[in-house]
């Protein structure tokens, strides 16, 4: 499994909602896919130099919107 090892860049843009643009570096962990992977915080990064070299840059854009609904009076 992989997890974020560094956040290289984070931006936010106000549009219809808020657009977040994250650039994250991910690295291989010691955890296996079939193991107990409920919490990636418990997975340490690979110590083997050949396996540790795998790093990818991942950019993700997403928009968060909030909508308010009127509460009915009781």
PDB file of N, CA and C in Angstrom:
ATOM      1  N   UNK A   1       0.827  -1.183   0.000  1.00  0.00           N
ATOM      2  CA  UNK A   1       0.000   0.000   0.000  1.00  0.00           C
ATOM      3  C   UNK A   1       0.870   1.244   0.000  1.00  0.00           C
ATOM      4  N   UNK A   2       0.298   2.299  -0.474  1.00  0.00           N
ATOM      5  CA  UNK A   2       0.989   3.579  -0.534  1.00  0.00           C
ATOM      6  C   UNK A   2       0.279   4.578   0.370  1.00  0.00           C
ATOM      7  N   UNK A   3       1.021   5.545   0.869  1.00  0.00           N
ATOM      8  CA  UNK A   3       0.411   6.650   1.604  1.00  0.00           C
ATOM      9  C   UNK A   3       1.215   7.912   1.328  1.00  0.00           C
ATOM     10  N   UNK A   4       0.611   9.025   1.637  1.00  0.00           N
ATOM     11  CA  UNK A   4       1.263  10.309   1.378  1.00  0.00           C
ATOM     12  C   UNK A   4       2.516  10.439   2.236  1.00  0.00           C
ATOM     13  N   UNK A   5       3.616  10.795   1.595  1.00  0.00           N
ATOM     14  CA  UNK A   5       4.862  11.016   2.328  1.00  0.00           C
ATOM     15  C   UNK A   5       5.200  12.505   2.409  1.00  0.00           C
ATOM     16  N   UNK A   6       4.619  13.302   1.529  1.00  0.00           N
ATOM     17  CA  UNK A   6       4.857  14.749   1.552  1.00  0.00           C
ATOM     18  C   UNK A   6       3.756  15.452   0.772  1.00  0.00           C
ATOM     19  N   UNK A   7       3.393  16.632   1.243  1.00  0.00           N
ATOM     20  CA  UNK A   7       2.478  17.500   0.498  1.00  0.00           C
ATOM     21  C   UNK A   7       3.351  18.582  -0.121  1.00  0.00           C
ATOM     22  N   UNK A   8       3.468  18.546  -1.444  1.00  0.00           N
ATOM     23  CA  UNK A   8       4.344  19.489  -2.138  1.00  0.00           C
ATOM     24  C   UNK A   8       3.686  20.841  -2.369  1.00  0.00           C
ATOM     25  N   UNK A   9       2.375  20.830  -2.591  1.00  0.00           N
ATOM     26  CA  UNK A   9       1.679  22.081  -2.874  1.00  0.00           C
ATOM     27  C   UNK A   9       0.206  21.914  -2.542  1.00  0.00           C
ATOM     28  N   UNK A  10      -0.390  22.947  -2.015  1.00  0.00           N
ATOM     29  CA  UNK A  10      -1.824  22.944  -1.727  1.00  0.00           C
ATOM     30  C   UNK A  10      -2.360  24.335  -2.042  1.00  0.00           C
ATOM     31  N   UNK A  11      -3.395  24.376  -2.852  1.00  0.00           N
ATOM     32  CA  UNK A  11      -3.999  25.655  -3.235  1.00  0.00           C
ATOM     33  C   UNK A  11      -5.500  25.561  -3.068  1.00  0.00           C
ATOM     34  N   UNK A  12      -6.114  26.708  -2.904  1.00  0.00           N
ATOM     35  CA  UNK A  12      -7.572  26.740  -2.846  1.00  0.00           C
ATOM     36  C   UNK A  12      -8.035  27.888  -3.717  1.00  0.00           C
ATOM     37  N   UNK A  13      -9.136  27.652  -4.406  1.00  0.00           N
ATOM     38  CA  UNK A  13      -9.689  28.652  -5.308  1.00  0.00           C
ATOM     39  C   UNK A  13     -11.173  28.755  -5.011  1.00  0.00           C
ATOM     40  N   UNK A  14     -11.638  29.983  -4.842  1.00  0.00           N
ATOM     41  CA  UNK A  14     -13.056  30.206  -4.586  1.00  0.00           C
ATOM     42  C   UNK A  14     -13.768  30.279  -5.926  1.00  0.00           C
ATOM     43  N   UNK A  15     -14.633  29.344  -6.167  1.00  0.00           N
ATOM     44  CA  UNK A  15     -15.493  29.327  -7.347  1.00  0.00           C
ATOM     45  C   UNK A  15     -16.892  29.066  -6.805  1.00  0.00           C
ATOM     46  N   UNK A  16     -17.712  28.352  -7.501  1.00  0.00           N
ATOM     47  CA  UNK A  16     -19.009  27.957  -6.945  1.00  0.00           C
ATOM     48  C   UNK A  16     -18.721  26.843  -5.949  1.00  0.00           C
ATOM     49  N   UNK A  17     -18.421  27.225  -4.737  1.00  0.00           N
ATOM     50  CA  UNK A  17     -17.867  26.307  -3.752  1.00  0.00           C
ATOM     51  C   UNK A  17     -16.385  26.618  -3.629  1.00  0.00           C
ATOM     52  N   UNK A  18     -15.630  25.713  -3.083  1.00  0.00           N
ATOM     53  CA  UNK A  18     -14.187  25.890  -2.948  1.00  0.00           C
ATOM     54  C   UNK A  18     -13.495  24.761  -3.699  1.00  0.00           C
ATOM     55  N   UNK A  19     -12.568  25.123  -4.575  1.00  0.00           N
ATOM     56  CA  UNK A  19     -11.797  24.120  -5.322  1.00  0.00           C
ATOM     57  C   UNK A  19     -10.436  23.983  -4.651  1.00  0.00           C
ATOM     58  N   UNK A  20     -10.096  22.766  -4.296  1.00  0.00           N
ATOM     59  CA  UNK A  20      -8.797  22.472  -3.709  1.00  0.00           C
ATOM     60  C   UNK A  20      -7.936  21.760  -4.740  1.00  0.00           C
ATOM     61  N   UNK A  21      -6.685  22.150  -4.820  1.00  0.00           N
ATOM     62  CA  UNK A  21      -5.731  21.498  -5.710  1.00  0.00           C
ATOM     63  C   UNK A  21      -4.560  21.048  -4.836  1.00  0.00           C
ATOM     64  N   UNK A  22      -4.396  19.741  -4.714  1.00  0.00           N
ATOM     65  CA  UNK A  22      -3.348  19.180  -3.867  1.00  0.00           C
ATOM     66  C   UNK A  22      -2.328  18.451  -4.727  1.00  0.00           C
ATOM     67  N   UNK A  23      -1.071  18.681  -4.445  1.00  0.00           N
ATOM     68  CA  UNK A  23       0.003  17.935  -5.089  1.00  0.00           C
ATOM     69  C   UNK A  23       0.730  17.178  -3.983  1.00  0.00           C
ATOM     70  N   UNK A  24       0.614  15.853  -4.026  1.00  0.00           N
ATOM     71  CA  UNK A  24       1.080  15.005  -2.936  1.00  0.00           C
ATOM     72  C   UNK A  24       2.073  13.983  -3.470  1.00  0.00           C
ATOM     73  N   UNK A  25       3.119  13.725  -2.701  1.00  0.00           N
ATOM     74  CA  UNK A  25       4.072  12.675  -3.029  1.00  0.00           C
ATOM     75  C   UNK A  25       3.662  11.436  -2.237  1.00  0.00           C
ATOM     76  N   UNK A  26       3.542  10.290  -2.906  1.00  0.00           N
ATOM     77  CA  UNK A  26       3.164   9.074  -2.198  1.00  0.00           C
ATOM     78  C   UNK A  26       4.295   8.060  -2.284  1.00  0.00           C
ATOM     79  N   UNK A  27       4.433   7.272  -1.219  1.00  0.00           N
ATOM     80  CA  UNK A  27       5.503   6.282  -1.144  1.00  0.00           C
ATOM     81  C   UNK A  27       4.951   4.954  -0.649  1.00  0.00           C
ATOM     82  N   UNK A  28       5.665   3.888  -0.953  1.00  0.00           N
ATOM     83  CA  UNK A  28       5.260   2.530  -0.579  1.00  0.00           C
ATOM     84  C   UNK A  28       5.440   2.317   0.932  1.00  0.00           C
ATOM     85  N   UNK A  29       4.488   1.612   1.542  1.00  0.00           N
ATOM     86  CA  UNK A  29       4.574   1.286   2.965  1.00  0.00           C
ATOM     87  C   UNK A  29       4.900  -0.190   3.143  1.00  0.00           C
ATOM     88  N   UNK A  30       5.084  -0.580   4.397  1.00  0.00           N
ATOM     89  CA  UNK A  30       5.348  -1.979   4.745  1.00  0.00           C
ATOM     90  C   UNK A  30       4.054  -2.788   4.802  1.00  0.00           C
ATOM     91  N   UNK A  31       2.900  -2.137   4.842  1.00  0.00           N
ATOM     92  CA  UNK A  31       1.616  -2.832   4.981  1.00  0.00           C
ATOM     93  C   UNK A  31       1.222  -3.524   3.682  1.00  0.00           C
ATOM     94  N   UNK A  32       0.554  -4.633   3.837  1.00  0.00           N
ATOM     95  CA  UNK A  32       0.048  -5.372   2.681  1.00  0.00           C
ATOM     96  C   UNK A  32      -1.425  -5.056   2.489  1.00  0.00           C
ATOM     97  N   UNK A  33      -1.873  -5.209   1.265  1.00  0.00           N
ATOM     98  CA  UNK A  33      -3.260  -4.922   0.921  1.00  0.00           C
ATOM     99  C   UNK A  33      -4.227  -5.822   1.690  1.00  0.00           C
ATOM    100  N   UNK A  34      -3.845  -7.054   1.904  1.00  0.00           N
ATOM    101  CA  UNK A  34      -4.726  -8.017   2.567  1.00  0.00           C
ATOM    102  C   UNK A  34      -4.666  -7.939   4.083  1.00  0.00           C
ATOM    103  N   UNK A  35      -3.758  -7.182   4.631  1.00  0.00           N
ATOM    104  CA  UNK A  35      -3.622  -7.088   6.079  1.00  0.00           C
ATOM    105  C   UNK A  35      -4.642  -6.134   6.672  1.00  0.00           C
ATOM    106  N   UNK A  36      -4.473  -5.838   7.939  1.00  0.00           N
ATOM    107  CA  UNK A  36      -5.346  -4.889   8.625  1.00  0.00           C
ATOM    108  C   UNK A  36      -4.909  -3.479   8.253  1.00  0.00           C
ATOM    109  N   UNK A  37      -5.614  -2.872   7.338  1.00  0.00           N
ATOM    110  CA  UNK A  37      -5.218  -1.555   6.823  1.00  0.00           C
ATOM    111  C   UNK A  37      -6.233  -0.486   7.182  1.00  0.00           C
ATOM    112  N   UNK A  38      -6.891  -0.652   8.324  1.00  0.00           N
ATOM    113  CA  UNK A  38      -7.885   0.335   8.735  1.00  0.00           C
ATOM    114  C   UNK A  38      -7.249   1.693   9.004  1.00  0.00           C
ATOM    115  N   UNK A  39      -6.022   1.698   9.494  1.00  0.00           N
ATOM    116  CA  UNK A  39      -5.369   2.952   9.846  1.00  0.00           C
ATOM    117  C   UNK A  39      -3.979   3.001   9.212  1.00  0.00           C
ATOM    118  N   UNK A  40      -3.832   3.782   8.157  1.00  0.00           N
ATOM    119  CA  UNK A  40      -2.533   3.889   7.477  1.00  0.00           C
ATOM    120  C   UNK A  40      -1.477   4.564   8.340  1.00  0.00           C
ATOM    121  N   UNK A  41      -1.891   5.239   9.418  1.00  0.00           N
ATOM    122  CA  UNK A  41      -0.907   5.843  10.313  1.00  0.00           C
ATOM    123  C   UNK A  41      -0.039   4.785  10.976  1.00  0.00           C
ATOM    124  N   UNK A  42      -0.541   3.549  11.066  1.00  0.00           N
ATOM    125  CA  UNK A  42       0.229   2.458  11.667  1.00  0.00           C
ATOM    126  C   UNK A  42       1.145   1.768  10.662  1.00  0.00           C
ATOM    127  N   UNK A  43       1.127   2.185   9.415  1.00  0.00           N
ATOM    128  CA  UNK A  43       1.973   1.592   8.373  1.00  0.00           C
ATOM    129  C   UNK A  43       3.223   2.454   8.185  1.00  0.00           C
ATOM    130  N   UNK A  44       4.378   1.871   8.442  1.00  0.00           N
ATOM    131  CA  UNK A  44       5.620   2.625   8.246  1.00  0.00           C
ATOM    132  C   UNK A  44       6.064   2.508   6.786  1.00  0.00           C
ATOM    133  N   UNK A  45       6.911   3.435   6.368  1.00  0.00           N
ATOM    134  CA  UNK A  45       7.411   3.417   5.001  1.00  0.00           C
ATOM    135  C   UNK A  45       8.444   2.307   4.838  1.00  0.00           C
ATOM    136  N   UNK A  46       8.628   1.847   3.613  1.00  0.00           N
ATOM    137  CA  UNK A  46       9.581   0.781   3.305  1.00  0.00           C
ATOM    138  C   UNK A  46      10.990   1.181   3.740  1.00  0.00           C
ATOM    139  N   UNK A  47      11.726   0.213   4.242  1.00  0.00           N
ATOM    140  CA  UNK A  47      13.118   0.461   4.621  1.00  0.00           C
ATOM    141  C   UNK A  47      14.085  -0.069   3.569  1.00  0.00           C
ATOM    142  N   UNK A  48      13.651  -1.018   2.755  1.00  0.00           N
ATOM    143  CA  UNK A  48      14.485  -1.570   1.678  1.00  0.00           C
ATOM    144  C   UNK A  48      14.700  -0.485   0.626  1.00  0.00           C
ATOM    145  N   UNK A  49      15.963  -0.210   0.305  1.00  0.00           N
ATOM    146  CA  UNK A  49      16.263   0.911  -0.600  1.00  0.00           C
ATOM    147  C   UNK A  49      15.650   0.735  -1.987  1.00  0.00           C
ATOM    148  N   UNK A  50      15.558  -0.506  -2.484  1.00  0.00           N
ATOM    149  CA  UNK A  50      14.959  -0.722  -3.804  1.00  0.00           C
ATOM    150  C   UNK A  50      13.462  -0.433  -3.790  1.00  0.00           C
ATOM    151  N   UNK A  51      12.782  -0.827  -2.746  1.00  0.00           N
ATOM    152  CA  UNK A  51      11.337  -0.597  -2.661  1.00  0.00           C
ATOM    153  C   UNK A  51      11.010   0.836  -2.261  1.00  0.00           C
ATOM    154  N   UNK A  52      11.912   1.464  -1.533  1.00  0.00           N
ATOM    155  CA  UNK A  52      11.678   2.818  -1.050  1.00  0.00           C
ATOM    156  C   UNK A  52      11.732   3.842  -2.178  1.00  0.00           C
ATOM    157  N   UNK A  53      12.416   3.530  -3.269  1.00  0.00           N
ATOM    158  CA  UNK A  53      12.609   4.479  -4.362  1.00  0.00           C
ATOM    159  C   UNK A  53      11.330   4.848  -5.106  1.00  0.00           C
ATOM    160  N   UNK A  54      10.273   4.073  -4.953  1.00  0.00           N
ATOM    161  CA  UNK A  54       9.041   4.325  -5.703  1.00  0.00           C
ATOM    162  C   UNK A  54       8.343   5.547  -5.119  1.00  0.00           C
ATOM    163  N   UNK A  55       8.342   6.627  -5.877  1.00  0.00           N
ATOM    164  CA  UNK A  55       7.631   7.837  -5.468  1.00  0.00           C
ATOM    165  C   UNK A  55       6.891   8.368  -6.673  1.00  0.00           C
ATOM    166  N   UNK A  56       5.688   8.796  -6.452  1.00  0.00           N
ATOM    167  CA  UNK A  56       4.880   9.346  -7.529  1.00  0.00           C
ATOM    168  C   UNK A  56       4.329  10.688  -7.082  1.00  0.00           C
ATOM    169  N   UNK A  57       4.150  11.558  -8.012  1.00  0.00           N
ATOM    170  CA  UNK A  57       3.483  12.829  -7.719  1.00  0.00           C
ATOM    171  C   UNK A  57       2.039  12.681  -8.149  1.00  0.00           C
ATOM    172  N   UNK A  58       1.153  13.100  -7.308  1.00  0.00           N
ATOM    173  CA  UNK A  58      -0.271  12.927  -7.546  1.00  0.00           C
ATOM    174  C   UNK A  58      -0.945  14.268  -7.337  1.00  0.00           C
ATOM    175  N   UNK A  59      -1.627  14.739  -8.346  1.00  0.00           N
ATOM    176  CA  UNK A  59      -2.358  15.999  -8.232  1.00  0.00           C
ATOM    177  C   UNK A  59      -3.846  15.700  -8.279  1.00  0.00           C
ATOM    178  N   UNK A  60      -4.588  16.254  -7.355  1.00  0.00           N
ATOM    179  CA  UNK A  60      -6.027  16.007  -7.281  1.00  0.00           C
ATOM    180  C   UNK A  60      -6.740  17.341  -7.147  1.00  0.00           C
ATOM    181  N   UNK A  61      -7.758  17.506  -7.950  1.00  0.00           N
ATOM    182  CA  UNK A  61      -8.596  18.704  -7.868  1.00  0.00           C
ATOM    183  C   UNK A  61      -9.985  18.278  -7.447  1.00  0.00           C
ATOM    184  N   UNK A  62     -10.540  18.959  -6.494  1.00  0.00           N
ATOM    185  CA  UNK A  62     -11.911  18.658  -6.116  1.00  0.00           C
ATOM    186  C   UNK A  62     -12.590  19.919  -5.617  1.00  0.00           C
ATOM    187  N   UNK A  63     -13.899  19.923  -5.728  1.00  0.00           N
ATOM    188  CA  UNK A  63     -14.705  21.080  -5.343  1.00  0.00           C
ATOM    189  C   UNK A  63     -15.588  20.678  -4.178  1.00  0.00           C
ATOM    190  N   UNK A  64     -15.537  21.461  -3.121  1.00  0.00           N
ATOM    191  CA  UNK A  64     -16.419  21.251  -1.974  1.00  0.00           C
ATOM    192  C   UNK A  64     -17.527  22.286  -2.043  1.00  0.00           C
ATOM    193  N   UNK A  65     -18.736  21.836  -1.968  1.00  0.00           N
ATOM    194  CA  UNK A  65     -19.863  22.762  -1.939  1.00  0.00           C
ATOM    195  C   UNK A  65     -20.707  22.461  -0.724  1.00  0.00           C
ATOM    196  N   UNK A  66     -21.287  23.484  -0.184  1.00  0.00           N
ATOM    197  CA  UNK A  66     -22.198  23.325   0.942  1.00  0.00           C
ATOM    198  C   UNK A  66     -23.533  23.906   0.546  1.00  0.00           C
ATOM    199  N   UNK A  67     -24.574  23.208   0.889  1.00  0.00           N
ATOM    200  CA  UNK A  67     -25.893  23.774   0.639  1.00  0.00           C
ATOM    201  C   UNK A  67     -26.660  23.781   1.949  1.00  0.00           C
ATOM    202  N   UNK A  68     -27.347  24.856   2.184  1.00  0.00           N
ATOM    203  CA  UNK A  68     -28.150  24.997   3.390  1.00  0.00           C
ATOM    204  C   UNK A  68     -29.600  24.704   3.052  1.00  0.00           C
ATOM    205  N   UNK A  69     -30.233  23.961   3.899  1.00  0.00           N
ATOM    206  CA  UNK A  69     -31.657  23.692   3.715  1.00  0.00           C
ATOM    207  C   UNK A  69     -32.407  24.302   4.878  1.00  0.00           C
ATOM    208  N   UNK A  70     -33.588  24.768   4.599  1.00  0.00           N
ATOM    209  CA  UNK A  70     -34.402  25.393   5.639  1.00  0.00           C
ATOM    210  C   UNK A  70     -34.913  24.317   6.585  1.00  0.00           C
ATOM    211  N   UNK A  71     -34.785  24.577   7.871  1.00  0.00           N
ATOM    212  CA  UNK A  71     -35.295  23.638   8.873  1.00  0.00           C
ATOM    213  C   UNK A  71     -36.781  23.902   9.053  1.00  0.00           C
ATOM    214  N   UNK A  72     -37.545  22.851   9.154  1.00  0.00           N
ATOM    215  CA  UNK A  72     -38.990  23.031   9.330  1.00  0.00           C
ATOM    216  C   UNK A  72     -39.286  23.410  10.773  1.00  0.00           C
ATOM    217  N   UNK A  73     -40.181  24.340  10.946  1.00  0.00           N
ATOM    218  CA  UNK A  73     -40.555  24.808  12.285  1.00  0.00           C
ATOM    219  C   UNK A  73     -41.476  23.787  12.935  1.00  0.00           C
ATOM    220  N   UNK A  74     -41.244  23.528  14.228  1.00  0.00           N
ATOM    221  CA  UNK A  74     -42.069  22.545  14.939  1.00  0.00           C
ATOM    222  C   UNK A  74     -43.186  23.199  15.690  1.00  0.00           C
TER     223      UNK A  74
END
